[in-house]
């Protein structure tokens, strides 16, 4: 009786391209590096009212909110382990 492997055959030189955990962790790292650079070099979000009061919030706060959502999505789909095999 012969056994058919469920895995695709890939040249060993390019096997590292199929490591999804590596790509997911790289994506999450780049997301948070973007937040870091925005916190260092980014402008503030300034709001002023006609009465003369103004407030400012670093733009990294808004970017970090979306980075959290992107991190959740990248971790959910990139770091999952399929149990179909």
N, C-alpha and C. Protein backbone atom coordinates (compact mmCIF):
# COMPACT_ATOMS: atom_id res chain seq x y z
N UNK A 1 0.84 -1.17 0.00
CA UNK A 1 0.00 0.00 0.00
C UNK A 1 0.89 1.24 0.00
N UNK A 2 0.56 2.20 -0.80
CA UNK A 2 1.36 3.41 -0.86
C UNK A 2 0.65 4.54 -0.13
N UNK A 3 1.45 5.47 0.32
CA UNK A 3 0.93 6.62 1.06
C UNK A 3 1.18 7.86 0.23
N UNK A 4 0.15 8.69 0.10
CA UNK A 4 0.25 9.93 -0.66
C UNK A 4 0.41 11.08 0.36
N UNK A 5 1.47 11.84 0.28
CA UNK A 5 1.65 12.95 1.23
C UNK A 5 0.63 14.06 0.97
N UNK A 6 0.19 14.68 2.03
CA UNK A 6 -0.78 15.77 1.91
C UNK A 6 -0.11 17.11 1.67
N UNK A 7 1.19 17.16 1.87
CA UNK A 7 1.91 18.41 1.72
C UNK A 7 2.38 18.58 0.28
N UNK A 8 2.41 19.82 -0.15
CA UNK A 8 2.91 20.11 -1.48
C UNK A 8 4.42 19.96 -1.50
N UNK A 9 4.93 19.47 -2.59
CA UNK A 9 6.38 19.37 -2.71
C UNK A 9 6.92 20.71 -3.19
N UNK A 10 7.87 21.24 -2.46
CA UNK A 10 8.46 22.53 -2.76
C UNK A 10 9.97 22.36 -2.71
N UNK A 11 10.62 23.05 -3.58
CA UNK A 11 12.07 23.04 -3.57
C UNK A 11 12.55 23.52 -2.20
N UNK A 12 13.55 22.88 -1.63
CA UNK A 12 13.98 23.20 -0.28
C UNK A 12 14.54 24.62 -0.17
N UNK A 13 14.99 25.18 -1.28
CA UNK A 13 15.48 26.56 -1.23
C UNK A 13 14.37 27.56 -0.95
N UNK A 14 13.15 27.24 -1.35
CA UNK A 14 12.04 28.17 -1.18
C UNK A 14 11.04 27.71 -0.13
N UNK A 15 11.38 26.74 0.66
CA UNK A 15 10.47 26.23 1.68
C UNK A 15 10.18 27.28 2.75
N UNK A 16 11.13 28.16 3.00
CA UNK A 16 10.93 29.18 4.02
C UNK A 16 9.86 30.20 3.63
N UNK A 17 9.54 30.29 2.34
CA UNK A 17 8.50 31.22 1.89
C UNK A 17 7.11 30.80 2.33
N UNK A 18 6.94 29.54 2.69
CA UNK A 18 5.62 29.04 3.09
C UNK A 18 5.42 29.01 4.59
N UNK A 19 6.34 29.56 5.35
CA UNK A 19 6.19 29.60 6.80
C UNK A 19 5.28 30.79 7.14
N UNK A 20 4.02 30.51 7.37
CA UNK A 20 3.05 31.60 7.58
C UNK A 20 3.29 32.34 8.89
N UNK A 21 3.79 31.64 9.89
CA UNK A 21 4.06 32.32 11.16
C UNK A 21 5.12 33.40 11.00
N UNK A 22 6.10 33.15 10.14
CA UNK A 22 7.14 34.14 9.91
C UNK A 22 6.56 35.39 9.26
N UNK A 23 5.71 35.20 8.25
CA UNK A 23 5.13 36.36 7.56
C UNK A 23 4.17 37.12 8.46
N UNK A 24 3.43 36.40 9.29
CA UNK A 24 2.50 37.08 10.21
C UNK A 24 3.28 37.90 11.24
N UNK A 25 4.33 37.34 11.80
CA UNK A 25 5.11 38.08 12.79
C UNK A 25 5.85 39.25 12.15
N UNK A 26 6.29 39.09 10.91
CA UNK A 26 6.92 40.21 10.21
C UNK A 26 5.92 41.33 9.96
N UNK A 27 4.70 40.97 9.57
CA UNK A 27 3.66 41.98 9.34
C UNK A 27 3.31 42.72 10.63
N UNK A 28 3.20 41.99 11.73
CA UNK A 28 2.88 42.63 13.01
C UNK A 28 4.01 43.56 13.44
N UNK A 29 5.24 43.14 13.22
CA UNK A 29 6.39 43.99 13.56
C UNK A 29 6.39 45.28 12.75
N UNK A 30 6.11 45.17 11.47
CA UNK A 30 6.09 46.36 10.61
C UNK A 30 4.93 47.29 10.99
N UNK A 31 3.81 46.72 11.37
CA UNK A 31 2.67 47.54 11.81
C UNK A 31 3.07 48.40 13.01
N UNK A 32 3.72 47.78 13.99
CA UNK A 32 4.06 48.52 15.20
C UNK A 32 5.27 49.43 14.99
N UNK A 33 6.13 49.11 14.02
CA UNK A 33 7.18 50.06 13.66
C UNK A 33 6.58 51.32 13.05
N UNK A 34 5.52 51.16 12.27
CA UNK A 34 4.84 52.32 11.71
C UNK A 34 4.24 53.19 12.81
N UNK A 35 3.69 52.56 13.85
CA UNK A 35 3.16 53.33 14.98
C UNK A 35 4.30 54.06 15.70
N UNK A 36 5.43 53.37 15.87
CA UNK A 36 6.58 54.00 16.53
C UNK A 36 7.06 55.23 15.76
N UNK A 37 7.23 55.09 14.44
CA UNK A 37 7.71 56.22 13.65
C UNK A 37 6.68 57.34 13.59
N UNK A 38 5.41 57.00 13.62
CA UNK A 38 4.39 58.05 13.67
C UNK A 38 4.42 58.76 15.01
N UNK A 39 4.68 58.03 16.08
CA UNK A 39 4.75 58.66 17.40
C UNK A 39 5.96 59.60 17.49
N UNK A 40 7.06 59.23 16.84
CA UNK A 40 8.26 60.06 16.91
C UNK A 40 8.18 61.25 15.96
N UNK A 41 7.79 61.00 14.71
CA UNK A 41 7.86 62.04 13.68
C UNK A 41 6.50 62.60 13.26
N UNK A 42 5.41 61.99 13.69
CA UNK A 42 4.10 62.40 13.22
C UNK A 42 3.59 63.67 13.87
N UNK A 43 2.64 64.31 13.22
CA UNK A 43 2.07 65.54 13.77
C UNK A 43 1.01 65.23 14.83
N UNK A 44 0.52 66.28 15.44
CA UNK A 44 -0.59 66.15 16.38
C UNK A 44 -1.91 66.43 15.66
N UNK A 45 -2.97 65.86 16.18
CA UNK A 45 -4.30 66.18 15.69
C UNK A 45 -4.80 67.34 16.54
N UNK A 46 -4.99 68.48 15.93
CA UNK A 46 -5.36 69.69 16.66
C UNK A 46 -6.82 70.02 16.38
N UNK A 47 -7.55 70.29 17.45
CA UNK A 47 -8.96 70.67 17.34
C UNK A 47 -9.15 71.99 18.08
N UNK A 48 -9.76 72.92 17.42
CA UNK A 48 -10.02 74.21 18.07
C UNK A 48 -11.48 74.60 17.87
N UNK A 49 -12.03 75.24 18.86
CA UNK A 49 -13.43 75.67 18.81
C UNK A 49 -13.47 77.18 18.56
N UNK A 50 -14.64 77.67 18.12
CA UNK A 50 -14.75 79.12 17.89
C UNK A 50 -14.55 79.93 19.16
N UNK A 51 -14.72 79.33 20.33
CA UNK A 51 -14.55 80.06 21.57
C UNK A 51 -13.10 80.31 21.92
N UNK A 52 -12.20 79.67 21.22
CA UNK A 52 -10.78 79.93 21.46
C UNK A 52 -10.06 78.79 22.16
N UNK A 53 -10.77 77.77 22.56
CA UNK A 53 -10.09 76.66 23.20
C UNK A 53 -9.60 75.68 22.14
N UNK A 54 -8.48 75.08 22.42
CA UNK A 54 -7.95 74.09 21.48
C UNK A 54 -7.38 72.92 22.26
N UNK A 55 -7.35 71.79 21.59
CA UNK A 55 -6.77 70.59 22.19
C UNK A 55 -5.99 69.85 21.11
N UNK A 56 -4.99 69.11 21.55
CA UNK A 56 -4.21 68.34 20.59
C UNK A 56 -3.95 66.95 21.15
N UNK A 57 -3.98 66.00 20.25
CA UNK A 57 -3.75 64.61 20.58
C UNK A 57 -2.70 64.09 19.59
N UNK A 58 -1.73 63.34 20.05
CA UNK A 58 -0.76 62.79 19.09
C UNK A 58 -1.46 61.88 18.09
N UNK A 59 -1.04 61.97 16.84
CA UNK A 59 -1.69 61.17 15.81
C UNK A 59 -1.41 59.68 16.01
N UNK A 60 -0.39 59.35 16.78
CA UNK A 60 -0.07 57.94 17.04
C UNK A 60 -1.18 57.24 17.81
N UNK A 61 -2.01 57.99 18.51
CA UNK A 61 -3.13 57.39 19.24
C UNK A 61 -4.12 56.78 18.25
N UNK A 62 -4.45 57.52 17.21
CA UNK A 62 -5.38 57.00 16.20
C UNK A 62 -4.74 55.87 15.40
N UNK A 63 -3.46 56.02 15.07
CA UNK A 63 -2.77 54.97 14.32
C UNK A 63 -2.66 53.70 15.15
N UNK A 64 -2.43 53.84 16.45
CA UNK A 64 -2.32 52.67 17.33
C UNK A 64 -3.66 51.93 17.44
N UNK A 65 -4.76 52.66 17.38
CA UNK A 65 -6.07 52.01 17.40
C UNK A 65 -6.23 51.08 16.20
N UNK A 66 -5.90 51.59 15.02
CA UNK A 66 -6.01 50.76 13.83
C UNK A 66 -4.92 49.69 13.78
N UNK A 67 -3.78 49.96 14.37
CA UNK A 67 -2.72 48.95 14.43
C UNK A 67 -3.14 47.78 15.32
N UNK A 68 -3.89 48.07 16.36
CA UNK A 68 -4.40 47.01 17.23
C UNK A 68 -5.35 46.10 16.46
N UNK A 69 -6.23 46.69 15.67
CA UNK A 69 -7.16 45.90 14.87
C UNK A 69 -6.40 45.08 13.83
N UNK A 70 -5.41 45.70 13.19
CA UNK A 70 -4.61 44.99 12.18
C UNK A 70 -3.80 43.87 12.81
N UNK A 71 -3.28 44.09 14.01
CA UNK A 71 -2.53 43.05 14.71
C UNK A 71 -3.42 41.87 15.03
N UNK A 72 -4.62 42.16 15.48
CA UNK A 72 -5.57 41.08 15.79
C UNK A 72 -5.87 40.25 14.55
N UNK A 73 -6.10 40.92 13.43
CA UNK A 73 -6.42 40.20 12.20
C UNK A 73 -5.22 39.40 11.70
N UNK A 74 -4.04 39.99 11.74
CA UNK A 74 -2.84 39.27 11.28
C UNK A 74 -2.55 38.07 12.17
N UNK A 75 -2.73 38.22 13.46
CA UNK A 75 -2.48 37.11 14.38
C UNK A 75 -3.53 36.02 14.22
N UNK A 76 -4.78 36.42 14.01
CA UNK A 76 -5.84 35.42 13.90
C UNK A 76 -5.66 34.55 12.66
N UNK A 77 -5.36 35.17 11.53
CA UNK A 77 -5.27 34.42 10.29
C UNK A 77 -3.86 33.93 9.96
N UNK A 78 -2.85 34.58 10.47
CA UNK A 78 -1.49 34.20 10.16
C UNK A 78 -0.89 33.20 11.11
N UNK A 79 -1.38 33.19 12.34
CA UNK A 79 -0.80 32.30 13.35
C UNK A 79 -1.71 31.13 13.70
N UNK A 80 -2.78 30.95 12.96
CA UNK A 80 -3.68 29.84 13.26
C UNK A 80 -3.08 28.53 12.77
N UNK A 81 -3.51 27.46 13.38
CA UNK A 81 -3.07 26.13 12.98
C UNK A 81 -4.28 25.35 12.50
N UNK A 82 -4.31 25.02 11.23
CA UNK A 82 -5.42 24.26 10.69
C UNK A 82 -5.35 22.83 11.18
N UNK A 83 -6.49 22.31 11.59
CA UNK A 83 -6.54 20.94 12.09
C UNK A 83 -7.15 20.00 11.07
N UNK A 84 -7.05 20.38 9.80
CA UNK A 84 -7.63 19.54 8.74
C UNK A 84 -6.72 18.39 8.36
N UNK A 85 -5.45 18.47 8.63
CA UNK A 85 -4.48 17.47 8.18
C UNK A 85 -4.60 16.16 8.89
